[in-house]
Amino acid sequence: MGYKTFNKEEALKIWDHEFGNVLYAHDFTGRKVKKDDYLVENQVGWVVSFIKPLALGGPVEEGNIIILNHNTAFEKADNYPEFEVVGVKYRIVHDEVDDFYYIEKIM
């Protein structure tokens, strides 16, 4: 699948960069994640994933890293450039100028 296991210290640095020093946050789908539940497979557990999957040539760098609820990561899997999560369709876009990936909802 499109994520690798970071050690907890690395993952928490990514959390702090993405969300700040909060106990709970939400991934791009609105699913809740809990800071203490990195790699815990429950309703608020989360993983560090990659917007463009590593298996499809996505880089291991800040502009491609994203925090996802376990369920979101499972549904997104290695689908690229379009995928569906919780019945909503999304598209992955690469900003070539600033070299980062982002996810947009397909309307």
PDB file of N, CA and C in Angstrom:
ATOM      1  N   MET A   1       0.846  -1.183   0.000  1.00  0.00           N
ATOM      2  CA  MET A   1       0.000   0.000   0.000  1.00  0.00           C
ATOM      3  C   MET A   1       0.883   1.234   0.000  1.00  0.00           C
ATOM      4  N   GLY A   2       0.303   2.423  -0.154  1.00  0.00           N
ATOM      5  CA  GLY A   2       1.053   3.656  -0.334  1.00  0.00           C
ATOM      6  C   GLY A   2       1.561   4.285   0.944  1.00  0.00           C
ATOM      7  N   TYR A   3       1.994   3.495   1.885  1.00  0.00           N
ATOM      8  CA  TYR A   3       2.618   4.105   3.048  1.00  0.00           C
ATOM      9  C   TYR A   3       3.735   3.222   3.547  1.00  0.00           C
ATOM     10  N   LYS A   4       4.687   3.839   4.228  1.00  0.00           N
ATOM     11  CA  LYS A   4       5.764   3.083   4.853  1.00  0.00           C
ATOM     12  C   LYS A   4       5.700   3.393   6.332  1.00  0.00           C
ATOM     13  N   THR A   5       6.318   2.577   7.102  1.00  0.00           N
ATOM     14  CA  THR A   5       6.291   2.792   8.535  1.00  0.00           C
ATOM     15  C   THR A   5       7.439   3.703   8.946  1.00  0.00           C
ATOM     16  N   PHE A   6       7.082   4.841   9.473  1.00  0.00           N
ATOM     17  CA  PHE A   6       8.059   5.746  10.077  1.00  0.00           C
ATOM     18  C   PHE A   6       8.131   5.358  11.542  1.00  0.00           C
ATOM     19  N   ASN A   7       9.260   5.607  12.204  1.00  0.00           N
ATOM     20  CA  ASN A   7       9.258   5.357  13.641  1.00  0.00           C
ATOM     21  C   ASN A   7       8.374   6.425  14.292  1.00  0.00           C
ATOM     22  N   LYS A   8       7.961   6.165  15.514  1.00  0.00           N
ATOM     23  CA  LYS A   8       6.985   7.051  16.156  1.00  0.00           C
ATOM     24  C   LYS A   8       7.516   8.487  16.288  1.00  0.00           C
ATOM     25  N   GLU A   9       8.788   8.638  16.570  1.00  0.00           N
ATOM     26  CA  GLU A   9       9.368   9.985  16.697  1.00  0.00           C
ATOM     27  C   GLU A   9       9.255  10.748  15.372  1.00  0.00           C
ATOM     28  N   GLU A  10       9.573  10.090  14.260  1.00  0.00           N
ATOM     29  CA  GLU A  10       9.452  10.727  12.943  1.00  0.00           C
ATOM     30  C   GLU A  10       7.991  11.074  12.652  1.00  0.00           C
ATOM     31  N   ALA A  11       7.100  10.137  12.939  1.00  0.00           N
ATOM     32  CA  ALA A  11       5.677  10.345  12.678  1.00  0.00           C
ATOM     33  C   ALA A  11       5.129  11.521  13.493  1.00  0.00           C
ATOM     34  N   LEU A  12       5.538  11.628  14.739  1.00  0.00           N
ATOM     35  CA  LEU A  12       5.050  12.726  15.581  1.00  0.00           C
ATOM     36  C   LEU A  12       5.595  14.081  15.123  1.00  0.00           C
ATOM     37  N   LYS A  13       6.775  14.103  14.545  1.00  0.00           N
ATOM     38  CA  LYS A  13       7.301  15.354  13.968  1.00  0.00           C
ATOM     39  C   LYS A  13       6.442  15.769  12.773  1.00  0.00           C
ATOM     40  N   ILE A  14       6.055  14.789  11.975  1.00  0.00           N
ATOM     41  CA  ILE A  14       5.178  15.077  10.841  1.00  0.00           C
ATOM     42  C   ILE A  14       3.822  15.573  11.344  1.00  0.00           C
ATOM     43  N   TRP A  15       3.287  14.926  12.388  1.00  0.00           N
ATOM     44  CA  TRP A  15       2.020  15.364  12.993  1.00  0.00           C
ATOM     45  C   TRP A  15       2.126  16.831  13.427  1.00  0.00           C
ATOM     46  N   ASP A  16       3.174  17.147  14.182  1.00  0.00           N
ATOM     47  CA  ASP A  16       3.330  18.521  14.687  1.00  0.00           C
ATOM     48  C   ASP A  16       3.450  19.519  13.539  1.00  0.00           C
ATOM     49  N   HIS A  17       4.108  19.128  12.466  1.00  0.00           N
ATOM     50  CA  HIS A  17       4.236  20.004  11.301  1.00  0.00           C
ATOM     51  C   HIS A  17       2.880  20.201  10.621  1.00  0.00           C
ATOM     52  N   GLU A  18       2.109  19.134  10.501  1.00  0.00           N
ATOM     53  CA  GLU A  18       0.817  19.203   9.812  1.00  0.00           C
ATOM     54  C   GLU A  18      -0.285  19.831  10.660  1.00  0.00           C
ATOM     55  N   PHE A  19      -0.343  19.452  11.931  1.00  0.00           N
ATOM     56  CA  PHE A  19      -1.485  19.830  12.764  1.00  0.00           C
ATOM     57  C   PHE A  19      -1.132  20.697  13.969  1.00  0.00           C
ATOM     58  N   GLY A  20       0.142  20.793  14.327  1.00  0.00           N
ATOM     59  CA  GLY A  20       0.511  21.509  15.535  1.00  0.00           C
ATOM     60  C   GLY A  20       0.381  20.601  16.750  1.00  0.00           C
ATOM     61  N   ASN A  21       0.471  21.172  17.905  1.00  0.00           N
ATOM     62  CA  ASN A  21       0.449  20.397  19.148  1.00  0.00           C
ATOM     63  C   ASN A  21      -0.989  20.225  19.649  1.00  0.00           C
ATOM     64  N   VAL A  22      -1.749  19.412  18.916  1.00  0.00           N
ATOM     65  CA  VAL A  22      -3.125  19.106  19.303  1.00  0.00           C
ATOM     66  C   VAL A  22      -3.255  17.603  19.475  1.00  0.00           C
ATOM     67  N   LEU A  23      -4.203  17.169  20.300  1.00  0.00           N
ATOM     68  CA  LEU A  23      -4.405  15.749  20.546  1.00  0.00           C
ATOM     69  C   LEU A  23      -5.193  15.079  19.411  1.00  0.00           C
ATOM     70  N   TYR A  24      -6.159  15.792  18.827  1.00  0.00           N
ATOM     71  CA  TYR A  24      -6.985  15.254  17.752  1.00  0.00           C
ATOM     72  C   TYR A  24      -6.929  16.175  16.536  1.00  0.00           C
ATOM     73  N   ALA A  25      -7.087  15.595  15.362  1.00  0.00           N
ATOM     74  CA  ALA A  25      -7.172  16.356  14.112  1.00  0.00           C
ATOM     75  C   ALA A  25      -8.026  15.539  13.149  1.00  0.00           C
ATOM     76  N   HIS A  26      -8.125  15.987  11.907  1.00  0.00           N
ATOM     77  CA  HIS A  26      -8.895  15.285  10.876  1.00  0.00           C
ATOM     78  C   HIS A  26      -8.069  15.192   9.601  1.00  0.00           C
ATOM     79  N   ASP A  27      -8.163  14.038   8.931  1.00  0.00           N
ATOM     80  CA  ASP A  27      -7.485  13.928   7.639  1.00  0.00           C
ATOM     81  C   ASP A  27      -8.329  14.637   6.580  1.00  0.00           C
ATOM     82  N   PHE A  28      -7.890  14.596   5.329  1.00  0.00           N
ATOM     83  CA  PHE A  28      -8.571  15.371   4.286  1.00  0.00           C
ATOM     84  C   PHE A  28     -10.012  14.941   4.059  1.00  0.00           C
ATOM     85  N   THR A  29     -10.406  13.751   4.496  1.00  0.00           N
ATOM     86  CA  THR A  29     -11.792  13.298   4.324  1.00  0.00           C
ATOM     87  C   THR A  29     -12.684  13.739   5.473  1.00  0.00           C
ATOM     88  N   GLY A  30     -12.073  14.245   6.540  1.00  0.00           N
ATOM     89  CA  GLY A  30     -12.823  14.614   7.730  1.00  0.00           C
ATOM     90  C   GLY A  30     -12.787  13.538   8.804  1.00  0.00           C
ATOM     91  N   ARG A  31     -12.121  12.424   8.537  1.00  0.00           N
ATOM     92  CA  ARG A  31     -12.011  11.373   9.558  1.00  0.00           C
ATOM     93  C   ARG A  31     -11.059  11.821  10.660  1.00  0.00           C
ATOM     94  N   LYS A  32     -11.487  11.564  11.882  1.00  0.00           N
ATOM     95  CA  LYS A  32     -10.721  11.976  13.058  1.00  0.00           C
ATOM     96  C   LYS A  32      -9.495  11.082  13.247  1.00  0.00           C
ATOM     97  N   VAL A  33      -8.389  11.702  13.683  1.00  0.00           N
ATOM     98  CA  VAL A  33      -7.167  10.993  14.046  1.00  0.00           C
ATOM     99  C   VAL A  33      -6.699  11.504  15.404  1.00  0.00           C
ATOM    100  N   LYS A  34      -6.097  10.620  16.171  1.00  0.00           N
ATOM    101  CA  LYS A  34      -5.629  10.950  17.514  1.00  0.00           C
ATOM    102  C   LYS A  34      -4.110  10.835  17.553  1.00  0.00           C
ATOM    103  N   LYS A  35      -3.454  11.875  18.021  1.00  0.00           N
ATOM    104  CA  LYS A  35      -1.998  11.941  18.021  1.00  0.00           C
ATOM    105  C   LYS A  35      -1.357  10.695  18.635  1.00  0.00           C
ATOM    106  N   ASP A  36      -1.890  10.197  19.723  1.00  0.00           N
ATOM    107  CA  ASP A  36      -1.298   9.055  20.418  1.00  0.00           C
ATOM    108  C   ASP A  36      -1.524   7.723  19.709  1.00  0.00           C
ATOM    109  N   ASP A  37      -2.359   7.687  18.671  1.00  0.00           N
ATOM    110  CA  ASP A  37      -2.745   6.416  18.047  1.00  0.00           C
ATOM    111  C   ASP A  37      -2.070   6.156  16.703  1.00  0.00           C
ATOM    112  N   TYR A  38      -0.807   6.550  16.582  1.00  0.00           N
ATOM    113  CA  TYR A  38      -0.039   6.246  15.377  1.00  0.00           C
ATOM    114  C   TYR A  38       0.095   4.729  15.243  1.00  0.00           C
ATOM    115  N   LEU A  39      -0.279   4.203  14.095  1.00  0.00           N
ATOM    116  CA  LEU A  39      -0.244   2.779  13.745  1.00  0.00           C
ATOM    117  C   LEU A  39      -1.193   1.908  14.568  1.00  0.00           C
ATOM    118  N   VAL A  40      -2.099   2.528  15.321  1.00  0.00           N
ATOM    119  CA  VAL A  40      -3.100   1.766  16.069  1.00  0.00           C
ATOM    120  C   VAL A  40      -4.311   1.615  15.154  1.00  0.00           C
ATOM    121  N   GLU A  41      -4.749   0.379  14.940  1.00  0.00           N
ATOM    122  CA  GLU A  41      -5.877   0.156  14.040  1.00  0.00           C
ATOM    123  C   GLU A  41      -7.189   0.251  14.800  1.00  0.00           C
ATOM    124  N   ASN A  42      -7.637   1.477  14.984  1.00  0.00           N
ATOM    125  CA  ASN A  42      -8.926   1.750  15.606  1.00  0.00           C
ATOM    126  C   ASN A  42      -9.578   2.905  14.847  1.00  0.00           C
ATOM    127  N   GLN A  43     -10.648   3.451  15.365  1.00  0.00           N
ATOM    128  CA  GLN A  43     -11.378   4.503  14.651  1.00  0.00           C
ATOM    129  C   GLN A  43     -10.597   5.797  14.479  1.00  0.00           C
ATOM    130  N   VAL A  44      -9.587   6.040  15.327  1.00  0.00           N
ATOM    131  CA  VAL A  44      -8.823   7.285  15.252  1.00  0.00           C
ATOM    132  C   VAL A  44      -7.328   7.038  15.008  1.00  0.00           C
ATOM    133  N   GLY A  45      -6.985   5.805  14.675  1.00  0.00           N
ATOM    134  CA  GLY A  45      -5.595   5.473  14.367  1.00  0.00           C
ATOM    135  C   GLY A  45      -5.187   6.052  13.020  1.00  0.00           C
ATOM    136  N   TRP A  46      -3.898   6.258  12.859  1.00  0.00           N
ATOM    137  CA  TRP A  46      -3.424   6.906  11.634  1.00  0.00           C
ATOM    138  C   TRP A  46      -2.081   6.368  11.175  1.00  0.00           C
ATOM    139  N   VAL A  47      -1.768   6.690   9.915  1.00  0.00           N
ATOM    140  CA  VAL A  47      -0.498   6.335   9.303  1.00  0.00           C
ATOM    141  C   VAL A  47       0.040   7.568   8.583  1.00  0.00           C
ATOM    142  N   VAL A  48       1.327   7.537   8.321  1.00  0.00           N
ATOM    143  CA  VAL A  48       1.932   8.522   7.439  1.00  0.00           C
ATOM    144  C   VAL A  48       1.938   7.870   6.064  1.00  0.00           C
ATOM    145  N   SER A  49       1.339   8.537   5.101  1.00  0.00           N
ATOM    146  CA  SER A  49       1.204   7.980   3.762  1.00  0.00           C
ATOM    147  C   SER A  49       1.799   8.953   2.749  1.00  0.00           C
ATOM    148  N   PHE A  50       1.644   8.588   1.492  1.00  0.00           N
ATOM    149  CA  PHE A  50       2.164   9.409   0.407  1.00  0.00           C
ATOM    150  C   PHE A  50       1.040   9.701  -0.567  1.00  0.00           C
ATOM    151  N   ILE A  51       0.915  10.959  -0.951  1.00  0.00           N
ATOM    152  CA  ILE A  51      -0.167  11.358  -1.835  1.00  0.00           C
ATOM    153  C   ILE A  51      -0.029  10.624  -3.165  1.00  0.00           C
ATOM    154  N   LYS A  52       1.149  10.744  -3.803  1.00  0.00           N
ATOM    155  CA  LYS A  52       1.431   9.898  -4.964  1.00  0.00           C
ATOM    156  C   LYS A  52       2.118   8.660  -4.405  1.00  0.00           C
ATOM    157  N   PRO A  53       1.528   7.496  -4.569  1.00  0.00           N
ATOM    158  CA  PRO A  53       2.072   6.276  -3.965  1.00  0.00           C
ATOM    159  C   PRO A  53       3.524   6.002  -4.344  1.00  0.00           C
ATOM    160  N   LEU A  54       4.272   5.504  -3.358  1.00  0.00           N
ATOM    161  CA  LEU A  54       5.663   5.134  -3.601  1.00  0.00           C
ATOM    162  C   LEU A  54       5.753   4.100  -4.714  1.00  0.00           C
ATOM    163  N   ALA A  55       4.811   3.162  -4.740  1.00  0.00           N
ATOM    164  CA  ALA A  55       4.809   2.095  -5.741  1.00  0.00           C
ATOM    165  C   ALA A  55       4.678   2.632  -7.167  1.00  0.00           C
ATOM    166  N   LEU A  56       4.195   3.858  -7.295  1.00  0.00           N
ATOM    167  CA  LEU A  56       4.016   4.472  -8.613  1.00  0.00           C
ATOM    168  C   LEU A  56       5.009   5.605  -8.848  1.00  0.00           C
ATOM    169  N   GLY A  57       6.105   5.597  -8.083  1.00  0.00           N
ATOM    170  CA  GLY A  57       7.158   6.589  -8.288  1.00  0.00           C
ATOM    171  C   GLY A  57       7.047   7.839  -7.448  1.00  0.00           C
ATOM    172  N   GLY A  58       6.141   7.848  -6.492  1.00  0.00           N
ATOM    173  CA  GLY A  58       6.020   9.007  -5.612  1.00  0.00           C
ATOM    174  C   GLY A  58       7.275   9.165  -4.769  1.00  0.00           C
ATOM    175  N   PRO A  59       7.718  10.400  -4.561  1.00  0.00           N
ATOM    176  CA  PRO A  59       8.941  10.623  -3.792  1.00  0.00           C
ATOM    177  C   PRO A  59       8.710  10.574  -2.278  1.00  0.00           C
ATOM    178  N   VAL A  60       9.747  10.203  -1.543  1.00  0.00           N
ATOM    179  CA  VAL A  60       9.713  10.227  -0.079  1.00  0.00           C
ATOM    180  C   VAL A  60      10.235  11.605   0.332  1.00  0.00           C
ATOM    181  N   GLU A  61       9.336  12.585   0.273  1.00  0.00           N
ATOM    182  CA  GLU A  61       9.706  13.952   0.642  1.00  0.00           C
ATOM    183  C   GLU A  61       8.482  14.688   1.145  1.00  0.00           C
ATOM    184  N   GLU A  62       8.717  15.775   1.835  1.00  0.00           N
ATOM    185  CA  GLU A  62       7.657  16.532   2.507  1.00  0.00           C
ATOM    186  C   GLU A  62       6.487  16.880   1.596  1.00  0.00           C
ATOM    187  N   GLY A  63       6.750  17.231   0.355  1.00  0.00           N
ATOM    188  CA  GLY A  63       5.689  17.638  -0.562  1.00  0.00           C
ATOM    189  C   GLY A  63       4.800  16.502  -1.042  1.00  0.00           C
ATOM    190  N   ASN A  64       5.063  15.283  -0.554  1.00  0.00           N
ATOM    191  CA  ASN A  64       4.257  14.125  -0.946  1.00  0.00           C
ATOM    192  C   ASN A  64       3.730  13.367   0.269  1.00  0.00           C
ATOM    193  N   ILE A  65       4.006  13.861   1.463  1.00  0.00           N
ATOM    194  CA  ILE A  65       3.625  13.171   2.697  1.00  0.00           C
ATOM    195  C   ILE A  65       2.278  13.684   3.202  1.00  0.00           C
ATOM    196  N   ILE A  66       1.483  12.757   3.718  1.00  0.00           N
ATOM    197  CA  ILE A  66       0.166  13.114   4.254  1.00  0.00           C
ATOM    198  C   ILE A  66      -0.174  12.165   5.402  1.00  0.00           C
ATOM    199  N   ILE A  67      -0.889  12.679   6.378  1.00  0.00           N
ATOM    200  CA  ILE A  67      -1.385  11.852   7.488  1.00  0.00           C
ATOM    201  C   ILE A  67      -2.801  11.410   7.141  1.00  0.00           C
ATOM    202  N   LEU A  68      -3.031  10.086   7.242  1.00  0.00           N
ATOM    203  CA  LEU A  68      -4.339   9.536   6.931  1.00  0.00           C
ATOM    204  C   LEU A  68      -4.839   8.639   8.050  1.00  0.00           C
ATOM    205  N   ASN A  69      -6.125   8.706   8.319  1.00  0.00           N
ATOM    206  CA  ASN A  69      -6.789   7.731   9.164  1.00  0.00           C
ATOM    207  C   ASN A  69      -6.570   6.362   8.511  1.00  0.00           C
ATOM    208  N   HIS A  70      -6.462   5.308   9.336  1.00  0.00           N
ATOM    209  CA  HIS A  70      -6.251   3.959   8.790  1.00  0.00           C
ATOM    210  C   HIS A  70      -7.278   3.613   7.712  1.00  0.00           C
ATOM    211  N   ASN A  71      -8.536   3.928   7.953  1.00  0.00           N
ATOM    212  CA  ASN A  71      -9.586   3.593   6.987  1.00  0.00           C
ATOM    213  C   ASN A  71      -9.411   4.358   5.678  1.00  0.00           C
ATOM    214  N   THR A  72      -9.035   5.616   5.767  1.00  0.00           N
ATOM    215  CA  THR A  72      -8.788   6.401   4.566  1.00  0.00           C
ATOM    216  C   THR A  72      -7.632   5.803   3.775  1.00  0.00           C
ATOM    217  N   ALA A  73      -6.552   5.439   4.471  1.00  0.00           N
ATOM    218  CA  ALA A  73      -5.383   4.849   3.805  1.00  0.00           C
ATOM    219  C   ALA A  73      -5.769   3.555   3.095  1.00  0.00           C
ATOM    220  N   PHE A  74      -6.606   2.751   3.733  1.00  0.00           N
ATOM    221  CA  PHE A  74      -7.051   1.494   3.136  1.00  0.00           C
ATOM    222  C   PHE A  74      -7.857   1.757   1.862  1.00  0.00           C
ATOM    223  N   GLU A  75      -8.764   2.730   1.917  1.00  0.00           N
ATOM    224  CA  GLU A  75      -9.603   3.025   0.762  1.00  0.00           C
ATOM    225  C   GLU A  75      -8.822   3.684  -0.376  1.00  0.00           C
ATOM    226  N   LYS A  76      -7.916   4.584  -0.026  1.00  0.00           N
ATOM    227  CA  LYS A  76      -7.110   5.255  -1.053  1.00  0.00           C
ATOM    228  C   LYS A  76      -6.152   4.271  -1.694  1.00  0.00           C
ATOM    229  N   ALA A  77      -5.525   3.441  -0.882  1.00  0.00           N
ATOM    230  CA  ALA A  77      -4.556   2.448  -1.340  1.00  0.00           C
ATOM    231  C   ALA A  77      -3.543   3.091  -2.283  1.00  0.00           C
ATOM    232  N   ASP A  78      -3.208   2.410  -3.374  1.00  0.00           N
ATOM    233  CA  ASP A  78      -2.251   2.947  -4.348  1.00  0.00           C
ATOM    234  C   ASP A  78      -2.950   3.516  -5.572  1.00  0.00           C
ATOM    235  N   ASN A  79      -4.205   3.901  -5.416  1.00  0.00           N
ATOM    236  CA  ASN A  79      -4.931   4.476  -6.541  1.00  0.00           C
ATOM    237  C   ASN A  79      -4.373   5.853  -6.878  1.00  0.00           C
ATOM    238  N   TYR A  80      -4.176   6.084  -8.180  1.00  0.00           N
ATOM    239  CA  TYR A  80      -3.578   7.331  -8.644  1.00  0.00           C
ATOM    240  C   TYR A  80      -3.871   7.482 -10.125  1.00  0.00           C
ATOM    241  N   PRO A  81      -4.223   8.611 -10.651  1.00  0.00           N
ATOM    242  CA  PRO A  81      -4.361   9.897  -9.968  1.00  0.00           C
ATOM    243  C   PRO A  81      -5.746  10.137  -9.378  1.00  0.00           C
ATOM    244  N   GLU A  82      -6.711   9.236  -9.641  1.00  0.00           N
ATOM    245  CA  GLU A  82      -8.041   9.421  -9.063  1.00  0.00           C
ATOM    246  C   GLU A  82      -8.393   8.249  -8.173  1.00  0.00           C
ATOM    247  N   PHE A  83      -9.171   8.536  -7.130  1.00  0.00           N
ATOM    248  CA  PHE A  83      -9.591   7.505  -6.193  1.00  0.00           C
ATOM    249  C   PHE A  83     -10.870   7.944  -5.505  1.00  0.00           C
ATOM    250  N   GLU A  84     -11.479   7.019  -4.789  1.00  0.00           N
ATOM    251  CA  GLU A  84     -12.726   7.300  -4.090  1.00  0.00           C
ATOM    252  C   GLU A  84     -12.590   6.877  -2.638  1.00  0.00           C
ATOM    253  N   VAL A  85     -13.010   7.763  -1.730  1.00  0.00           N
ATOM    254  CA  VAL A  85     -13.002   7.482  -0.293  1.00  0.00           C
ATOM    255  C   VAL A  85     -14.344   7.928   0.266  1.00  0.00           C
ATOM    256  N   VAL A  86     -15.001   7.057   1.021  1.00  0.00           N
ATOM    257  CA  VAL A  86     -16.298   7.332   1.620  1.00  0.00           C
ATOM    258  C   VAL A  86     -17.288   7.836   0.562  1.00  0.00           C
ATOM    259  N   GLY A  87     -17.218   7.255  -0.637  1.00  0.00           N
ATOM    260  CA  GLY A  87     -18.146   7.613  -1.694  1.00  0.00           C
ATOM    261  C   GLY A  87     -17.866   8.938  -2.380  1.00  0.00           C
ATOM    262  N   VAL A  88     -16.763   9.590  -2.053  1.00  0.00           N
ATOM    263  CA  VAL A  88     -16.403  10.867  -2.659  1.00  0.00           C
ATOM    264  C   VAL A  88     -15.191  10.643  -3.561  1.00  0.00           C
ATOM    265  N   LYS A  89     -15.244  11.227  -4.752  1.00  0.00           N
ATOM    266  CA  LYS A  89     -14.144  11.071  -5.702  1.00  0.00           C
ATOM    267  C   LYS A  89     -13.137  12.206  -5.538  1.00  0.00           C
ATOM    268  N   TYR A  90     -11.853  11.832  -5.603  1.00  0.00           N
ATOM    269  CA  TYR A  90     -10.757  12.777  -5.457  1.00  0.00           C
ATOM    270  C   TYR A  90      -9.759  12.596  -6.588  1.00  0.00           C
ATOM    271  N   ARG A  91      -8.962  13.643  -6.810  1.00  0.00           N
ATOM    272  CA  ARG A  91      -7.903  13.619  -7.810  1.00  0.00           C
ATOM    273  C   ARG A  91      -6.621  14.134  -7.159  1.00  0.00           C
ATOM    274  N   ILE A  92      -5.520  13.486  -7.481  1.00  0.00           N
ATOM    275  CA  ILE A  92      -4.208  13.931  -7.017  1.00  0.00           C
ATOM    276  C   ILE A  92      -3.605  14.814  -8.104  1.00  0.00           C
ATOM    277  N   VAL A  93      -3.111  15.966  -7.688  1.00  0.00           N
ATOM    278  CA  VAL A  93      -2.530  16.935  -8.612  1.00  0.00           C
ATOM    279  C   VAL A  93      -1.106  17.239  -8.160  1.00  0.00           C
ATOM    280  N   HIS A  94      -0.217  17.400  -9.127  1.00  0.00           N
ATOM    281  CA  HIS A  94       1.166  17.775  -8.828  1.00  0.00           C
ATOM    282  C   HIS A  94       1.382  19.220  -9.242  1.00  0.00           C
ATOM    283  N   ASP A  95       1.780  20.052  -8.289  1.00  0.00           N
ATOM    284  CA  ASP A  95       2.132  21.439  -8.583  1.00  0.00           C
ATOM    285  C   ASP A  95       3.584  21.418  -9.052  1.00  0.00           C
ATOM    286  N   GLU A  96       3.779  21.565 -10.349  1.00  0.00           N
ATOM    287  CA  GLU A  96       5.118  21.448 -10.923  1.00  0.00           C
ATOM    288  C   GLU A  96       6.019  22.607 -10.536  1.00  0.00           C
ATOM    289  N   VAL A  97       5.460  23.790 -10.336  1.00  0.00           N
ATOM    290  CA  VAL A  97       6.267  24.965 -10.006  1.00  0.00           C
ATOM    291  C   VAL A  97       6.900  24.818  -8.628  1.00  0.00           C
ATOM    292  N   ASP A  98       6.088  24.495  -7.622  1.00  0.00           N
ATOM    293  CA  ASP A  98       6.598  24.380  -6.254  1.00  0.00           C
ATOM    294  C   ASP A  98       6.879  22.937  -5.844  1.00  0.00           C
ATOM    295  N   ASP A  99       6.669  21.994  -6.745  1.00  0.00           N
ATOM    296  CA  ASP A  99       6.985  20.577  -6.561  1.00  0.00           C
ATOM    297  C   ASP A  99       6.368  19.967  -5.302  1.00  0.00           C
ATOM    298  N   PHE A 100       5.038  19.969  -5.275  1.00  0.00           N
ATOM    299  CA  PHE A 100       4.332  19.263  -4.201  1.00  0.00           C
ATOM    300  C   PHE A 100       3.046  18.687  -4.774  1.00  0.00           C
ATOM    301  N   TYR A 101       2.502  17.694  -4.059  1.00  0.00           N
ATOM    302  CA  TYR A 101       1.263  17.046  -4.467  1.00  0.00           C
ATOM    303  C   TYR A 101       0.146  17.488  -3.547  1.00  0.00           C
ATOM    304  N   TYR A 102      -1.066  17.521  -4.084  1.00  0.00           N
ATOM    305  CA  TYR A 102      -2.230  17.818  -3.259  1.00  0.00           C
ATOM    306  C   TYR A 102      -3.423  17.044  -3.792  1.00  0.00           C
ATOM    307  N   ILE A 103      -4.447  16.959  -2.960  1.00  0.00           N
ATOM    308  CA  ILE A 103      -5.657  16.211  -3.286  1.00  0.00           C
ATOM    309  C   ILE A 103      -6.809  17.198  -3.417  1.00  0.00           C
ATOM    310  N   GLU A 104      -7.549  17.058  -4.511  1.00  0.00           N
ATOM    311  CA  GLU A 104      -8.728  17.903  -4.682  1.00  0.00           C
ATOM    312  C   GLU A 104      -9.952  17.027  -4.910  1.00  0.00           C
ATOM    313  N   LYS A 105     -11.073  17.498  -4.416  1.00  0.00           N
ATOM    314  CA  LYS A 105     -12.337  16.795  -4.606  1.00  0.00           C
ATOM    315  C   LYS A 105     -12.798  17.000  -6.040  1.00  0.00           C
ATOM    316  N   ILE A 106     -13.267  15.927  -6.670  1.00  0.00           N
ATOM    317  CA  ILE A 106     -13.810  16.025  -8.019  1.00  0.00           C
ATOM    318  C   ILE A 106     -15.282  16.396  -7.892  1.00  0.00           C
ATOM    319  N   MET A 107     -15.647  17.516  -8.465  1.00  0.00           N
ATOM    320  CA  MET A 107     -17.020  18.005  -8.373  1.00  0.00           C
ATOM    321  C   MET A 107     -17.839  17.519  -9.542  1.00  0.00           C
TER     322      MET A 107
END
